[in-house]
Amino acid sequence: MTPPPPTGPPPTGPEPSAGALSLRGLTVGRGGRTVARDISIEIPAGEVTALLGPNGAGKSSLVLAVGGVLRPLAGSVLMQGRDYARQRPEQIRRAGIAIVPEGRRLLTDLTVEDNLRVAAYSLPREQARTGRERVLGLFPELSRRLSAPARTLSGGEQQMVVLAQALIAEPRFLLIDELSLGLAPVVINRLLPTIRAVADAGLGVLLIEQFAAVALGLASGAYILEGGRLRFSGLASELREKPELLSSAYLLRGSGAG
């Protein structure tokens, strides 16, 4: 299917990297105030990029704006020369940009099977079938829980379902808001190799994570968002090797989403 045409004003500045999802000067409002201002982030294909920051920094709002849930006040979301800012969520998802919002949002009264079916409703039948097989290969634990209502799943199983929903259409880019929130370390350690595997297969991943060490252990690039503005952009290795660059101790301890 042909992606929707570009919208909004033409981007300014240097050309975004080929094979990347580029947020360019993105400004997002929420609740009558600006919560993220002039944010520029590159999410390369085939890599994990970490976005760190304290509660209220604007990270979750930024993800919702990329996914079309919030309408950006300014800026662009560029992929392959097209601007997807201000498009509807279904158009953005169809173009290959999937988001996993904070909070494991499932249809809790439906079964796991039905939640996967809803996520694949717009796909051709064969693509939906192969997508289902692929995500059950990534999360074989769900094969034993397909008939269970989503509300009866553990937190880790629910996180697997929302990741499976996002991945079932084989997106090009995946934005995950708080992968490990509320999960036991053993569950986090189960999920991390899967995130690494899908990135190694070519998917570009933006990982918002409460535990800096978890995110930086996976990521190639890293950004710190604080007070609605970017305070750091560079290599994840810089933050791993020089933890003093982390501007606040909360990043080492871990805290909730912003």
Protein backbone atom coordinates (compact mmCIF):
# COMPACT_ATOMS: atom_id res chain seq x y z
CA MET A 1 0.00 0.00 0.00
CA THR A 2 1.31 3.45 -0.90
CA PRO A 3 2.22 5.50 2.20
CA PRO A 4 0.21 8.72 2.75
CA PRO A 5 1.61 11.86 1.14
CA PRO A 6 3.82 14.22 3.12
CA THR A 7 2.15 16.93 5.16
CA GLY A 8 3.17 20.06 6.99
CA PRO A 9 5.92 22.53 6.16
CA PRO A 10 9.09 21.28 4.50
CA PRO A 11 11.86 20.36 6.95
CA THR A 12 14.81 22.65 7.40
CA GLY A 13 18.43 21.86 8.19
CA PRO A 14 20.56 18.97 6.95
CA GLU A 15 18.96 15.99 5.32
CA PRO A 16 17.96 13.18 7.72
CA SER A 17 19.97 9.99 7.56
CA ALA A 18 18.88 7.43 5.00
CA GLY A 19 17.31 4.39 6.62
CA ALA A 20 16.40 6.31 9.78
CA LEU A 21 13.26 7.66 11.40
CA SER A 22 14.07 11.31 12.03
CA LEU A 23 12.30 13.56 14.49
CA ARG A 24 13.11 17.10 13.43
CA GLY A 25 12.30 20.09 15.66
CA LEU A 26 9.33 18.28 17.18
CA THR A 27 7.36 20.36 19.67
CA VAL A 28 4.50 18.73 21.58
CA GLY A 29 1.79 20.21 23.78
CA ARG A 30 -0.34 18.42 26.32
CA GLY A 31 -2.87 19.70 28.82
CA GLY A 32 -2.54 23.24 27.56
CA ARG A 33 1.24 23.47 27.96
CA THR A 34 4.30 22.64 25.90
CA VAL A 35 5.86 19.45 27.25
CA ALA A 36 8.59 18.83 24.63
CA ARG A 37 10.25 21.57 22.62
CA ASP A 38 12.34 21.45 19.44
CA ILE A 39 13.32 17.77 19.76
CA SER A 40 15.51 16.26 17.04
CA ILE A 41 16.31 12.54 17.30
CA GLU A 42 17.64 10.02 14.79
CA ILE A 43 16.46 6.40 15.10
CA PRO A 44 18.58 4.35 12.68
CA ALA A 45 17.28 1.12 11.19
CA GLY A 46 18.86 -1.95 12.72
CA GLU A 47 19.84 -0.21 15.96
CA VAL A 48 18.45 0.42 19.43
CA THR A 49 18.42 4.08 20.45
CA ALA A 50 17.89 4.98 24.13
CA LEU A 51 15.82 7.94 25.32
CA LEU A 52 16.38 8.67 29.02
CA GLY A 53 14.96 11.29 31.34
CA PRO A 54 13.07 11.92 34.58
CA ASN A 55 9.34 11.86 35.22
CA GLY A 56 7.62 14.66 33.39
CA ALA A 57 10.45 15.20 30.92
CA GLY A 58 8.10 14.77 27.95
CA LYS A 59 9.25 11.33 26.78
CA SER A 60 5.83 9.66 26.72
CA SER A 61 4.21 12.66 25.06
CA LEU A 62 6.89 12.57 22.38
CA VAL A 63 6.13 8.92 21.62
CA LEU A 64 2.39 9.61 21.44
CA ALA A 65 3.04 12.48 19.04
CA VAL A 66 5.13 10.27 16.75
CA GLY A 67 2.32 7.70 16.81
CA GLY A 68 -0.31 10.29 15.90
CA VAL A 69 -2.14 10.12 19.23
CA LEU A 70 -1.07 13.69 20.02
CA ARG A 71 -0.81 16.33 17.31
CA PRO A 72 2.61 18.04 17.28
CA LEU A 73 2.65 21.81 17.56
CA ALA A 74 5.67 22.03 15.24
CA GLY A 75 8.30 19.87 13.57
CA SER A 76 8.47 16.79 11.38
CA VAL A 77 8.55 13.00 11.64
CA LEU A 78 10.50 11.94 8.56
CA MET A 79 10.89 8.50 7.03
CA GLN A 80 12.15 7.93 3.50
CA GLY A 81 11.58 11.56 2.56
CA ARG A 82 7.99 11.72 3.80
CA ASP A 83 6.65 13.64 6.77
CA TYR A 84 4.25 11.68 8.99
CA ALA A 85 3.70 14.37 11.62
CA ARG A 86 -0.01 15.14 12.01
CA GLN A 87 -1.11 11.98 10.20
CA ARG A 88 -3.75 9.76 11.77
CA PRO A 89 -2.51 6.84 13.92
CA GLU A 90 -3.67 4.21 11.44
CA GLN A 91 -1.79 5.94 8.60
CA ILE A 92 1.38 6.10 10.67
CA ARG A 93 1.09 2.46 11.68
CA ARG A 94 0.41 1.43 8.08
CA ALA A 95 3.56 3.27 6.99
CA GLY A 96 5.63 1.10 9.33
CA ILE A 97 5.93 3.12 12.56
CA ALA A 98 4.62 1.24 15.60
CA ILE A 99 4.46 2.46 19.18
CA VAL A 100 4.14 0.62 22.48
CA PRO A 101 2.74 3.21 24.91
CA GLU A 102 3.42 3.05 28.62
CA GLY A 103 0.97 1.00 30.66
CA ARG A 104 0.42 -2.23 28.67
CA ARG A 105 -2.83 -1.13 27.02
CA LEU A 106 -4.72 -4.30 26.13
CA LEU A 107 -8.34 -5.25 25.57
CA THR A 108 -8.38 -7.04 28.89
CA ASP A 109 -11.72 -8.83 28.46
CA LEU A 110 -10.59 -10.35 25.15
CA THR A 111 -8.33 -13.36 24.83
CA VAL A 112 -4.71 -13.18 23.78
CA GLU A 113 -5.73 -14.57 20.39
CA ASP A 114 -8.34 -11.86 19.95
CA ASN A 115 -5.90 -9.13 20.96
CA LEU A 116 -3.53 -10.33 18.26
CA ARG A 117 -6.38 -10.54 15.78
CA VAL A 118 -7.42 -6.95 16.51
CA ALA A 119 -3.83 -5.78 15.96
CA ALA A 120 -3.78 -7.49 12.57
CA TYR A 121 -7.30 -6.55 11.45
CA SER A 122 -6.16 -4.26 8.61
CA LEU A 123 -3.59 -6.70 7.19
CA PRO A 124 -4.20 -9.00 4.24
CA ARG A 125 -5.07 -12.51 5.42
CA GLU A 126 -1.74 -14.08 4.51
CA GLN A 127 0.27 -11.25 6.07
CA ALA A 128 -1.79 -11.53 9.25
CA ARG A 129 -1.16 -15.27 9.37
CA THR A 130 2.59 -14.98 8.87
CA GLY A 131 2.74 -12.07 11.31
CA ARG A 132 0.99 -14.16 13.95
CA GLU A 133 3.40 -17.04 13.41
CA ARG A 134 6.38 -14.69 13.64
CA VAL A 135 5.36 -13.04 16.93
CA LEU A 136 4.50 -16.40 18.50
CA GLY A 137 7.98 -17.50 17.49
CA LEU A 138 9.38 -14.47 19.33
CA PHE A 139 7.15 -15.09 22.36
CA PRO A 140 6.44 -18.85 22.49
CA GLU A 141 5.04 -18.43 26.00
CA LEU A 142 1.95 -16.85 24.45
CA SER A 143 1.15 -19.98 22.43
CA ARG A 144 0.05 -21.63 25.66
CA ARG A 145 -2.10 -18.64 26.64
CA LEU A 146 -3.96 -17.87 23.41
CA SER A 147 -7.38 -18.68 24.89
CA ALA A 148 -6.77 -16.85 28.17
CA PRO A 149 -8.36 -13.44 28.78
CA ALA A 150 -5.68 -10.76 28.75
CA ARG A 151 -6.61 -9.65 32.27
CA THR A 152 -5.49 -13.04 33.66
CA LEU A 153 -1.93 -12.74 32.31
CA SER A 154 1.08 -11.81 34.38
CA GLY A 155 2.68 -8.42 33.81
CA GLY A 156 5.43 -10.01 31.77
CA GLU A 157 2.97 -11.90 29.60
CA GLN A 158 0.95 -8.74 29.04
CA GLN A 159 4.10 -6.93 27.94
CA MET A 160 4.78 -9.75 25.48
CA VAL A 161 1.27 -9.32 24.05
CA VAL A 162 1.62 -5.56 23.51
CA LEU A 163 5.02 -6.09 21.88
CA ALA A 164 3.52 -8.81 19.70
CA GLN A 165 0.68 -6.48 18.70
CA ALA A 166 3.19 -3.85 17.62
CA LEU A 167 5.38 -6.33 15.75
CA ILE A 168 2.68 -8.36 14.00
CA ALA A 169 2.58 -5.99 11.00
CA GLU A 170 6.39 -6.12 10.68
CA PRO A 171 7.01 -2.38 11.17
CA ARG A 172 10.18 -0.59 10.16
CA PHE A 173 10.44 1.31 13.44
CA LEU A 174 9.27 0.50 16.97
CA LEU A 175 9.02 3.02 19.82
CA ILE A 176 8.74 1.36 23.25
CA ASP A 177 7.75 3.44 26.28
CA GLU A 178 9.00 1.84 29.53
CA LEU A 179 9.67 -1.76 28.60
CA SER A 180 10.49 -2.85 32.16
CA LEU A 181 8.00 -0.81 34.19
CA GLY A 182 6.63 -2.99 37.00
CA LEU A 183 8.36 -6.14 35.80
CA ALA A 184 10.61 -8.50 37.74
CA PRO A 185 14.29 -8.64 36.71
CA VAL A 186 13.88 -12.20 35.41
CA VAL A 187 11.14 -10.98 33.02
CA ILE A 188 13.22 -8.01 31.88
CA ASN A 189 16.11 -10.37 31.15
CA ARG A 190 13.71 -12.48 29.08
CA LEU A 191 12.56 -9.51 26.97
CA LEU A 192 15.90 -7.82 26.30
CA PRO A 193 17.27 -10.47 23.90
CA THR A 194 14.07 -10.21 21.87
CA ILE A 195 14.50 -6.46 21.48
CA ARG A 196 18.11 -7.05 20.46
CA ALA A 197 17.04 -9.73 17.97
CA VAL A 198 14.44 -7.60 16.19
CA ALA A 199 16.94 -4.73 15.93
CA ASP A 200 19.58 -7.08 14.54
CA ALA A 201 16.99 -8.14 11.94
CA GLY A 202 16.76 -4.54 10.71
CA LEU A 203 14.13 -2.90 12.90
CA GLY A 204 14.90 0.57 14.27
CA VAL A 205 14.00 0.74 17.98
CA LEU A 206 13.61 3.75 20.26
CA LEU A 207 13.67 2.48 23.85
CA ILE A 208 12.43 4.66 26.69
CA GLU A 209 13.54 2.89 29.83
CA GLN A 210 13.43 3.67 33.56
CA PHE A 211 16.69 1.84 34.18
CA ALA A 212 19.54 3.59 32.40
CA ALA A 213 21.83 0.56 32.58
CA VAL A 214 19.24 -1.61 30.81
CA ALA A 215 18.76 0.85 27.96
CA LEU A 216 22.43 1.68 27.55
CA GLY A 217 23.34 -2.00 27.49
CA LEU A 218 21.29 -2.41 24.31
CA ALA A 219 21.64 0.97 22.66
CA SER A 220 24.04 2.40 20.11
CA GLY A 221 22.87 6.00 20.38
CA ALA A 222 21.42 7.79 23.39
CA TYR A 223 19.52 10.96 24.23
CA ILE A 224 18.61 12.59 27.54
CA LEU A 225 15.40 14.58 27.71
CA GLU A 226 14.90 16.84 30.72
CA GLY A 227 12.42 19.64 31.22
CA GLY A 228 11.06 19.10 27.73
CA ARG A 229 14.43 19.74 26.05
CA LEU A 230 17.28 17.55 24.90
CA ARG A 231 20.23 17.77 27.29
CA PHE A 232 22.43 15.13 25.65
CA SER A 233 22.72 13.40 22.30
CA GLY A 234 25.55 11.06 21.43
CA LEU A 235 26.78 7.50 21.75
CA ALA A 236 25.42 5.21 24.43
CA SER A 237 29.02 4.17 25.09
CA GLU A 238 29.76 7.73 26.27
CA LEU A 239 27.17 7.37 29.00
CA ARG A 240 28.28 3.86 29.88
CA GLU A 241 31.93 4.89 30.19
CA LYS A 242 31.34 8.30 31.78
CA PRO A 243 28.32 8.01 34.08
CA GLU A 244 28.94 11.55 35.29
CA LEU A 245 27.45 12.67 31.98
CA LEU A 246 24.12 11.47 33.31
CA SER A 247 22.93 14.80 34.62
CA SER A 248 20.91 13.46 37.59
CA ALA A 249 21.28 10.52 39.95
CA TYR A 250 17.75 9.31 39.11
CA LEU A 251 19.08 7.93 35.85
CA LEU A 252 21.30 5.51 37.73
CA ARG A 253 18.63 4.54 40.24
CA GLY A 254 15.74 4.36 37.76
CA SER A 255 12.40 6.12 37.89
CA GLY A 256 9.08 6.18 36.08
CA ALA A 257 8.22 7.50 32.67
CA GLY A 258 7.94 11.13 31.67
